[in-house]
C-alpha atoms as a PDB file:
ATOM      1  CA  MET A   1     -10.258 103.626 118.661  1.00  0.00           C
ATOM      2  CA  ASN A   2      -8.561 103.303 115.259  1.00  0.00           C
ATOM      3  CA  SER A   3      -5.082 104.142 114.756  1.00  0.00           C
ATOM      4  CA  ILE A   4      -4.224 107.264 112.688  1.00  0.00           C
ATOM      5  CA  TYR A   5      -1.294 105.159 111.268  1.00  0.00           C
ATOM      6  CA  ASP A   6      -4.137 102.750 109.520  1.00  0.00           C
ATOM      7  CA  TYR A   7      -5.397 106.003 107.658  1.00  0.00           C
ATOM      8  CA  PRO A   8      -2.377 107.323 105.748  1.00  0.00           C
ATOM      9  CA  ALA A   9      -4.423 109.486 103.439  1.00  0.00           C
ATOM     10  CA  TYR A  10      -5.917 111.369 106.469  1.00  0.00           C
ATOM     11  CA  TYR A  11      -2.503 111.362 108.309  1.00  0.00           C
ATOM     12  CA  GLU A  12      -1.066 113.094 105.295  1.00  0.00           C
ATOM     13  CA  VAL A  13      -3.579 115.902 105.334  1.00  0.00           C
ATOM     14  CA  ALA A  14      -3.274 116.383 108.946  1.00  0.00           C
ATOM     15  CA  PHE A  15       0.440 117.053 108.486  1.00  0.00           C
ATOM     16  CA  SER A  16       0.303 118.793 105.041  1.00  0.00           C
ATOM     17  CA  PHE A  17       1.335 122.209 106.551  1.00  0.00           C
ATOM     18  CA  ARG A  18       4.806 121.396 105.563  1.00  0.00           C
ATOM     19  CA  ASP A  19       6.461 122.940 102.382  1.00  0.00           C
ATOM     20  CA  ILE A  20       8.028 119.763 100.977  1.00  0.00           C
ATOM     21  CA  ARG A  21      10.082 121.541  98.172  1.00  0.00           C
ATOM     22  CA  ARG A  22      11.595 123.911 100.682  1.00  0.00           C
ATOM     23  CA  GLU A  23      12.435 121.109 103.049  1.00  0.00           C
ATOM     24  CA  VAL A  24      14.171 119.195 100.464  1.00  0.00           C
ATOM     25  CA  ASP A  25      16.180 122.430  99.495  1.00  0.00           C
ATOM     26  CA  THR A  26      17.060 122.386 103.349  1.00  0.00           C
ATOM     27  CA  LEU A  27      18.241 118.784 103.153  1.00  0.00           C
ATOM     28  CA  GLU A  28      20.353 119.561 100.034  1.00  0.00           C
ATOM     29  CA  ARG A  29      21.878 122.708 101.579  1.00  0.00           C
ATOM     30  CA  CYS A  30      22.684 120.415 104.782  1.00  0.00           C
ATOM     31  CA  MET A  31      24.474 117.871 102.453  1.00  0.00           C
ATOM     32  CA  SER A  32      26.606 120.696 100.898  1.00  0.00           C
ATOM     33  CA  LEU A  33      27.517 122.234 104.245  1.00  0.00           C
ATOM     34  CA  PHE A  34      28.246 119.155 106.362  1.00  0.00           C
ATOM     35  CA  SER A  35      28.555 115.941 104.379  1.00  0.00           C
ATOM     36  CA  ARG A  36      32.104 114.644 103.489  1.00  0.00           C
ATOM     37  CA  ILE A  37      30.765 112.166 100.874  1.00  0.00           C
ATOM     38  CA  PRO A  38      28.673 112.606  97.701  1.00  0.00           C
ATOM     39  CA  VAL A  39      25.000 111.852  98.459  1.00  0.00           C
ATOM     40  CA  HIS A  40      23.361 109.375  96.147  1.00  0.00           C
ATOM     41  CA  THR A  41      21.215 107.158  98.398  1.00  0.00           C
ATOM     42  CA  MET A  42      18.861 108.591 101.040  1.00  0.00           C
ATOM     43  CA  LEU A  43      17.418 106.687 103.995  1.00  0.00           C
ATOM     44  CA  GLU A  44      14.232 108.064 105.700  1.00  0.00           C
ATOM     45  CA  LEU A  45      13.486 106.471 109.161  1.00  0.00           C
ATOM     46  CA  GLY A  46       9.635 106.132 110.022  1.00  0.00           C
ATOM     47  CA  CYS A  47       8.826 107.325 106.694  1.00  0.00           C
ATOM     48  CA  GLY A  48       5.143 106.808 106.836  1.00  0.00           C
ATOM     49  CA  PRO A  49       3.403 108.068 103.585  1.00  0.00           C
ATOM     50  CA  ALA A  50       6.804 109.304 102.434  1.00  0.00           C
ATOM     51  CA  PRO A  51       5.714 112.636 101.235  1.00  0.00           C
ATOM     52  CA  HIS A  52       9.325 113.797 100.534  1.00  0.00           C
ATOM     53  CA  MET A  53      10.000 110.766  98.290  1.00  0.00           C
ATOM     54  CA  PRO A  54       8.850 111.863  94.995  1.00  0.00           C
ATOM     55  CA  GLU A  55      10.651 115.236  95.131  1.00  0.00           C
ATOM     56  CA  LEU A  56      13.893 113.645  96.282  1.00  0.00           C
ATOM     57  CA  MET A  57      13.887 111.066  93.477  1.00  0.00           C
ATOM     58  CA  ARG A  58      12.880 113.768  90.965  1.00  0.00           C
ATOM     59  CA  ARG A  59      16.228 115.407  92.046  1.00  0.00           C
ATOM     60  CA  GLY A  60      18.041 112.225  91.292  1.00  0.00           C
ATOM     61  CA  TYR A  61      18.446 110.561  94.758  1.00  0.00           C
ATOM     62  CA  GLU A  62      17.795 106.916  95.368  1.00  0.00           C
ATOM     63  CA  TYR A  63      15.272 106.673  98.359  1.00  0.00           C
ATOM     64  CA  ILE A  64      14.890 104.004 100.903  1.00  0.00           C
ATOM     65  CA  GLY A  65      12.138 104.233 103.397  1.00  0.00           C
ATOM     66  CA  ILE A  66      11.485 102.131 106.540  1.00  0.00           C
ATOM     67  CA  ASP A  67       8.442 101.972 108.577  1.00  0.00           C
ATOM     68  CA  LEU A  68       6.694  99.546 110.949  1.00  0.00           C
ATOM     69  CA  ASN A  69       3.162 100.118 109.616  1.00  0.00           C
ATOM     70  CA  GLN A  70       2.419  98.161 106.529  1.00  0.00           C
ATOM     71  CA  LYS A  71      -0.561 100.389 105.401  1.00  0.00           C
ATOM     72  CA  MET A  72       1.758 103.349 105.417  1.00  0.00           C
ATOM     73  CA  LEU A  73       4.231 101.554 103.179  1.00  0.00           C
ATOM     74  CA  ASP A  74       1.526 100.576 100.941  1.00  0.00           C
ATOM     75  CA  PHE A  75       0.352 103.988 100.519  1.00  0.00           C
ATOM     76  CA  ALA A  76       3.824 105.292  99.859  1.00  0.00           C
ATOM     77  CA  SER A  77       4.281 102.500  97.237  1.00  0.00           C
ATOM     78  CA  ALA A  78       1.111 103.572  95.453  1.00  0.00           C
ATOM     79  CA  ARG A  79       2.277 107.203  95.590  1.00  0.00           C
ATOM     80  CA  ALA A  80       5.635 105.965  93.881  1.00  0.00           C
ATOM     81  CA  VAL A  81       3.856 104.058  91.083  1.00  0.00           C
ATOM     82  CA  HIS A  82       1.660 107.080  90.362  1.00  0.00           C
ATOM     83  CA  ALA A  83       4.744 109.271  90.054  1.00  0.00           C
ATOM     84  CA  GLY A  84       6.638 106.665  87.921  1.00  0.00           C
ATOM     85  CA  PHE A  85       9.330 106.054  90.720  1.00  0.00           C
ATOM     86  CA  SER A  86      10.744 102.783  92.105  1.00  0.00           C
ATOM     87  CA  PRO A  87      11.984 103.417  95.853  1.00  0.00           C
ATOM     88  CA  THR A  88      12.873 100.815  98.348  1.00  0.00           C
ATOM     89  CA  LEU A  89      10.138 100.562 101.093  1.00  0.00           C
ATOM     90  CA  LEU A  90      10.929  98.168 103.939  1.00  0.00           C
ATOM     91  CA  ARG A  91       8.908  97.142 107.103  1.00  0.00           C
ATOM     92  CA  ARG A  92      11.586  97.495 109.717  1.00  0.00           C
ATOM     93  CA  ASP A  93      11.801  98.705 113.434  1.00  0.00           C
ATOM     94  CA  MET A  94      13.898 101.917 113.714  1.00  0.00           C
ATOM     95  CA  VAL A  95      15.180 100.793 117.123  1.00  0.00           C
ATOM     96  CA  GLN A  96      17.098  97.882 115.713  1.00  0.00           C
ATOM     97  CA  PHE A  97      17.480  97.445 111.981  1.00  0.00           C
ATOM     98  CA  THR A  98      19.971  96.575 109.207  1.00  0.00           C
ATOM     99  CA  LEU A  99      19.987  97.144 105.578  1.00  0.00           C
ATOM    100  CA  ALA A 100      21.749  95.080 102.662  1.00  0.00           C
ATOM    101  CA  ARG A 101      24.137  98.039 101.989  1.00  0.00           C
ATOM    102  CA  GLN A 102      25.065 101.368 103.515  1.00  0.00           C
ATOM    103  CA  VAL A 103      23.491 104.742 102.619  1.00  0.00           C
ATOM    104  CA  ASP A 104      25.036 108.420 102.164  1.00  0.00           C
ATOM    105  CA  PHE A 105      22.414 110.256 104.257  1.00  0.00           C
ATOM    106  CA  VAL A 106      19.790 109.351 106.921  1.00  0.00           C
ATOM    107  CA  PHE A 107      16.899 111.600 108.001  1.00  0.00           C
ATOM    108  CA  ILE A 108      13.987 111.312 110.463  1.00  0.00           C
ATOM    109  CA  LEU A 109      11.197 113.758 110.407  1.00  0.00           C
ATOM    110  CA  LEU A 110       8.401 115.223 112.685  1.00  0.00           C
ATOM    111  CA  GLY A 111       9.654 113.878 115.968  1.00  0.00           C
ATOM    112  CA  SER A 112       9.290 110.303 114.794  1.00  0.00           C
ATOM    113  CA  LEU A 113      12.200 108.960 116.823  1.00  0.00           C
ATOM    114  CA  TYR A 114      10.244 106.364 119.006  1.00  0.00           C
ATOM    115  CA  ALA A 115      12.635 105.081 121.769  1.00  0.00           C
ATOM    116  CA  ALA A 116      10.942 103.898 125.025  1.00  0.00           C
ATOM    117  CA  ASN A 117      14.116 103.987 127.063  1.00  0.00           C
ATOM    118  CA  ALA A 118      17.764 104.782 127.003  1.00  0.00           C
ATOM    119  CA  ALA A 119      18.906 101.200 125.719  1.00  0.00           C
ATOM    120  CA  GLU A 120      16.391 101.630 122.917  1.00  0.00           C
ATOM    121  CA  LEU A 121      17.859 104.895 122.161  1.00  0.00           C
ATOM    122  CA  SER A 122      21.528 103.568 122.105  1.00  0.00           C
ATOM    123  CA  SER A 123      20.386 100.652 119.778  1.00  0.00           C
ATOM    124  CA  HIS A 124      18.802 103.191 117.390  1.00  0.00           C
ATOM    125  CA  PHE A 125      21.948 105.249 117.115  1.00  0.00           C
ATOM    126  CA  GLU A 126      24.071 101.983 116.563  1.00  0.00           C
ATOM    127  CA  SER A 127      21.731 100.899 113.902  1.00  0.00           C
ATOM    128  CA  VAL A 128      21.858 104.269 112.166  1.00  0.00           C
ATOM    129  CA  ALA A 129      25.815 104.138 112.514  1.00  0.00           C
ATOM    130  CA  ALA A 130      26.077 100.731 110.947  1.00  0.00           C
ATOM    131  CA  THR A 131      23.947 101.834 108.060  1.00  0.00           C
ATOM    132  CA  LEU A 132      25.437 105.253 107.098  1.00  0.00           C
ATOM    133  CA  ARG A 133      28.766 105.496 105.477  1.00  0.00           C
ATOM    134  CA  PRO A 134      31.555 107.313 107.316  1.00  0.00           C
ATOM    135  CA  GLY A 135      31.315 111.039 106.463  1.00  0.00           C
ATOM    136  CA  GLY A 136      27.561 110.894 106.008  1.00  0.00           C
ATOM    137  CA  ILE A 137      24.860 112.937 107.563  1.00  0.00           C
ATOM    138  CA  TYR A 138      22.126 112.016 110.212  1.00  0.00           C
ATOM    139  CA  PHE A 139      19.389 114.780 110.013  1.00  0.00           C
ATOM    140  CA  LEU A 140      16.895 114.734 113.051  1.00  0.00           C
ATOM    141  CA  ASP A 141      13.776 116.949 112.834  1.00  0.00           C
ATOM    142  CA  TRP A 142      12.128 117.642 116.285  1.00  0.00           C
ATOM    143  CA  CYS A 143      13.677 114.839 117.988  1.00  0.00           C
ATOM    144  CA  VAL A 144      15.486 116.509 120.614  1.00  0.00           C
ATOM    145  CA  GLN A 145      13.463 118.328 123.518  1.00  0.00           C
ATOM    146  CA  PHE A 146      14.618 121.971 123.874  1.00  0.00           C
ATOM    147  CA  THR A 147      11.829 122.791 126.528  1.00  0.00           C
ATOM    148  CA  ARG A 148      11.745 121.170 130.127  1.00  0.00           C
ATOM    149  CA  SER A 149       7.935 121.289 130.302  1.00  0.00           C
ATOM    150  CA  SER A 150       6.699 117.728 130.730  1.00  0.00           C
ATOM    151  CA  GLU A 151       3.177 118.902 129.516  1.00  0.00           C
ATOM    152  CA  ASP A 152       2.323 120.094 126.105  1.00  0.00           C
ATOM    153  CA  SER A 153      -0.662 120.419 123.861  1.00  0.00           C
ATOM    154  CA  GLY A 154      -1.605 122.069 120.631  1.00  0.00           C
ATOM    155  CA  SER A 155      -4.211 121.687 117.745  1.00  0.00           C
ATOM    156  CA  TRP A 156      -4.656 122.653 114.126  1.00  0.00           C
ATOM    157  CA  GLU A 157      -7.139 122.133 111.262  1.00  0.00           C
ATOM    158  CA  ILE A 158      -6.682 121.613 107.707  1.00  0.00           C
ATOM    159  CA  LYS A 159      -9.339 121.581 104.811  1.00  0.00           C
ATOM    160  CA  GLN A 160      -9.012 120.051 101.375  1.00  0.00           C
ATOM    161  CA  ASN A 161     -12.090 120.440  99.359  1.00  0.00           C
ATOM    162  CA  GLN A 162     -14.720 118.485 101.250  1.00  0.00           C
ATOM    163  CA  LEU A 163     -12.320 116.974 103.707  1.00  0.00           C
ATOM    164  CA  ARG A 164     -11.676 118.555 106.948  1.00  0.00           C
ATOM    165  CA  VAL A 165      -9.097 117.028 109.334  1.00  0.00           C
ATOM    166  CA  LYS A 166      -8.698 118.543 113.071  1.00  0.00           C
ATOM    167  CA  THR A 167      -5.575 117.298 114.778  1.00  0.00           C
ATOM    168  CA  SER A 168      -4.822 117.558 118.387  1.00  0.00           C
ATOM    169  CA  TYR A 169      -1.607 116.651 120.183  1.00  0.00           C
ATOM    170  CA  THR A 170      -0.925 116.199 123.906  1.00  0.00           C
ATOM    171  CA  ARG A 171       2.245 115.189 125.911  1.00  0.00           C
ATOM    172  CA  ARG A 172       2.165 114.240 129.659  1.00  0.00           C
ATOM    173  CA  ALA A 173       4.882 112.967 131.819  1.00  0.00           C
ATOM    174  CA  ILE A 174       4.919 109.305 132.975  1.00  0.00           C
ATOM    175  CA  ASP A 175       8.243 109.059 134.670  1.00  0.00           C
ATOM    176  CA  ALA A 176       9.913 112.490 135.019  1.00  0.00           C
ATOM    177  CA  ALA A 177      13.014 111.214 136.545  1.00  0.00           C
ATOM    178  CA  ASP A 178      13.633 109.028 133.399  1.00  0.00           C
ATOM    179  CA  HIS A 179      12.286 111.511 130.899  1.00  0.00           C
ATOM    180  CA  ILE A 180       9.524 109.168 129.838  1.00  0.00           C
ATOM    181  CA  PHE A 181       6.239 110.853 128.513  1.00  0.00           C
ATOM    182  CA  GLU A 182       3.006 109.624 126.698  1.00  0.00           C
ATOM    183  CA  GLU A 183       2.338 111.301 123.323  1.00  0.00           C
ATOM    184  CA  VAL A 184      -1.205 111.231 122.088  1.00  0.00           C
ATOM    185  CA  ILE A 185      -2.230 112.480 118.651  1.00  0.00           C
ATOM    186  CA  ARG A 186      -5.990 112.462 117.706  1.00  0.00           C
ATOM    187  CA  LEU A 187      -7.622 113.052 114.421  1.00  0.00           C
ATOM    188  CA  LYS A 188     -11.122 114.255 113.959  1.00  0.00           C
ATOM    189  CA  VAL A 189     -12.004 113.450 110.283  1.00  0.00           C
ATOM    190  CA  ASN A 190     -15.102 114.959 108.314  1.00  0.00           C
ATOM    191  CA  ASP A 191     -14.944 113.526 104.830  1.00  0.00           C
ATOM    192  CA  GLY A 192     -18.267 114.898 103.385  1.00  0.00           C
ATOM    193  CA  ASP A 193     -21.127 112.614 104.786  1.00  0.00           C
ATOM    194  CA  ASN A 194     -18.518 110.488 106.903  1.00  0.00           C
ATOM    195  CA  GLU A 195     -16.946 111.196 110.311  1.00  0.00           C
ATOM    196  CA  LEU A 196     -14.245 109.294 111.911  1.00  0.00           C
ATOM    197  CA  GLU A 197     -11.922 109.651 115.031  1.00  0.00           C
ATOM    198  CA  LEU A 198      -8.487 108.267 115.076  1.00  0.00           C
ATOM    199  CA  GLU A 199      -6.008 108.207 117.853  1.00  0.00           C
ATOM    200  CA  GLU A 200      -2.487 107.098 118.411  1.00  0.00           C
ATOM    201  CA  ARG A 201      -0.705 106.662 121.865  1.00  0.00           C
ATOM    202  CA  ASN A 202       2.938 106.226 122.120  1.00  0.00           C
ATOM    203  CA  THR A 203       5.424 106.096 124.992  1.00  0.00           C
ATOM    204  CA  LYS A 204       8.587 107.877 124.363  1.00  0.00           C
ATOM    205  CA  ARG A 205      11.712 108.964 125.972  1.00  0.00           C
ATOM    206  CA  ALA A 206      12.541 112.728 125.730  1.00  0.00           C
ATOM    207  CA  ILE A 207      16.033 113.543 124.756  1.00  0.00           C
ATOM    208  CA  TYR A 208      17.470 116.864 126.056  1.00  0.00           C
ATOM    209  CA  PRO A 209      20.208 118.781 124.365  1.00  0.00           C
ATOM    210  CA  GLN A 210      23.062 117.995 127.062  1.00  0.00           C
ATOM    211  CA  GLU A 211      22.023 114.414 127.003  1.00  0.00           C
ATOM    212  CA  PHE A 212      22.148 114.294 123.215  1.00  0.00           C
ATOM    213  CA  LEU A 213      25.616 115.787 123.098  1.00  0.00           C
ATOM    214  CA  PHE A 214      26.847 113.393 125.812  1.00  0.00           C
ATOM    215  CA  LEU A 215      25.391 110.379 124.058  1.00  0.00           C
ATOM    216  CA  THR A 216      26.991 111.109 120.604  1.00  0.00           C
ATOM    217  CA  GLU A 217      30.213 111.981 122.357  1.00  0.00           C
ATOM    218  CA  THR A 218      30.439 108.951 124.518  1.00  0.00           C
ATOM    219  CA  MET A 219      29.259 106.308 121.824  1.00  0.00           C
ATOM    220  CA  GLY A 220      32.062 107.679 119.502  1.00  0.00           C
ATOM    221  CA  LEU A 221      29.904 107.086 116.370  1.00  0.00           C
ATOM    222  CA  PHE A 222      28.961 110.630 115.402  1.00  0.00           C
ATOM    223  CA  GLU A 223      30.355 114.134 115.609  1.00  0.00           C
ATOM    224  CA  PHE A 224      27.965 117.025 116.413  1.00  0.00           C
ATOM    225  CA  MET A 225      27.558 119.540 113.514  1.00  0.00           C
ATOM    226  CA  GLY A 226      25.073 121.794 115.273  1.00  0.00           C
ATOM    227  CA  TRP A 227      21.377 122.460 115.707  1.00  0.00           C
ATOM    228  CA  ARG A 228      19.270 125.025 114.051  1.00  0.00           C
ATOM    229  CA  ASN A 229      15.692 126.434 114.748  1.00  0.00           C
ATOM    230  CA  ASN A 230      12.482 126.070 112.472  1.00  0.00           C
ATOM    231  CA  TRP A 231      14.298 124.124 109.670  1.00  0.00           C
ATOM    232  CA  ASN A 232      16.553 127.363 109.141  1.00  0.00           C
ATOM    233  CA  LEU A 233      20.086 126.626 108.819  1.00  0.00           C
ATOM    234  CA  ASP A 234      20.868 130.336 109.309  1.00  0.00           C
ATOM    235  CA  GLU A 235      19.054 130.231 112.657  1.00  0.00           C
ATOM    236  CA  PRO A 236      21.575 128.439 114.985  1.00  0.00           C
ATOM    237  CA  LEU A 237      20.926 127.429 118.636  1.00  0.00           C
ATOM    238  CA  ASP A 238      23.807 127.771 120.962  1.00  0.00           C
ATOM    239  CA  GLU A 239      25.557 124.641 122.461  1.00  0.00           C
ATOM    240  CA  ARG A 240      22.744 124.352 125.215  1.00  0.00           C
ATOM    241  CA  GLY A 241      20.080 124.607 122.679  1.00  0.00           C
ATOM    242  CA  ALA A 242      19.122 128.134 123.708  1.00  0.00           C
ATOM    243  CA  ILE A 243      17.774 131.126 121.486  1.00  0.00           C
ATOM    244  CA  PRO A 244      17.258 134.649 122.292  1.00  0.00           C
ATOM    245  CA  HIS A 245      14.136 135.281 124.635  1.00  0.00           C
ATOM    246  CA  ASP A 246      12.103 136.974 121.898  1.00  0.00           C
ATOM    247  CA  LYS A 247      12.055 133.779 119.717  1.00  0.00           C
ATOM    248  CA  ARG A 248      10.247 130.567 119.990  1.00  0.00           C
ATOM    249  CA  ILE A 249      11.665 127.198 119.222  1.00  0.00           C
ATOM    250  CA  GLU A 250       9.870 125.376 116.609  1.00  0.00           C
ATOM    251  CA  ARG A 251      10.802 122.288 114.682  1.00  0.00           C
ATOM    252  CA  PRO A 252      14.380 122.414 115.720  1.00  0.00           C
ATOM    253  CA  ILE A 253      16.819 120.274 113.604  1.00  0.00           C
ATOM    254  CA  VAL A 254      19.840 118.526 114.595  1.00  0.00           C
ATOM    255  CA  VAL A 255      22.690 117.531 112.324  1.00  0.00           C
ATOM    256  CA  ILE A 256      25.429 114.820 113.290  1.00  0.00           C
ATOM    257  CA  ARG A 257      27.966 113.254 110.978  1.00  0.00           C
ATOM    258  CA  ARG A 258      29.110 109.619 110.917  1.00  0.00           C
ATOM    259  CA  ILE A 259      32.828 109.308 112.076  1.00  0.00           C
END
């Protein structure tokens, strides 16, 4: 089956439920609250089609995006040309990467932290630390697992004119002891007279709150600034990642700062 990452336009529609301007507002508020340095250059890991790039560059930031998929980078490049911007888009593996110079702010969205084991996870944080200036922020969206369930699923549908994209998501445990699970995302696309089914399977290692705190503390590269629920900096989770029972954890964000 064709990979969803080879069809950036459909991928973008599938995840177009996000309010890009509001999310960029949140990133800027995060800078003002937690960063110890002025932010001029921003790095997005696993940038995909880079939907936040035009809004960030309109606000005066220099944008760097890295991704493994060249078709995603080509799509993002075409978007930048259309908007009149010149970002830096690089094909890199987020598990281990380097840049020619350091940046002021790093972010990763939609749970795109793909590390298959503890060694890859440590390598990832070492790469980010080497890239991020001291005092700068690393912002992670949906990358820490706040529920212990090894199985999860969900689906949604988005329509844009004649285009309809139905997305389904499943997660199942492969090795519960080592927190390894398989994530499967499927898109069912109806584009007028054409129908297409796309799929992506990835093996990921779940990161739980206490492990995340232990990792950041023992590596000595970052200090923990906090985690919040649903992209709301005014809705904190406690140190264990807990919220009141009458609330649901959705798109939790984690903020750490380079030491």
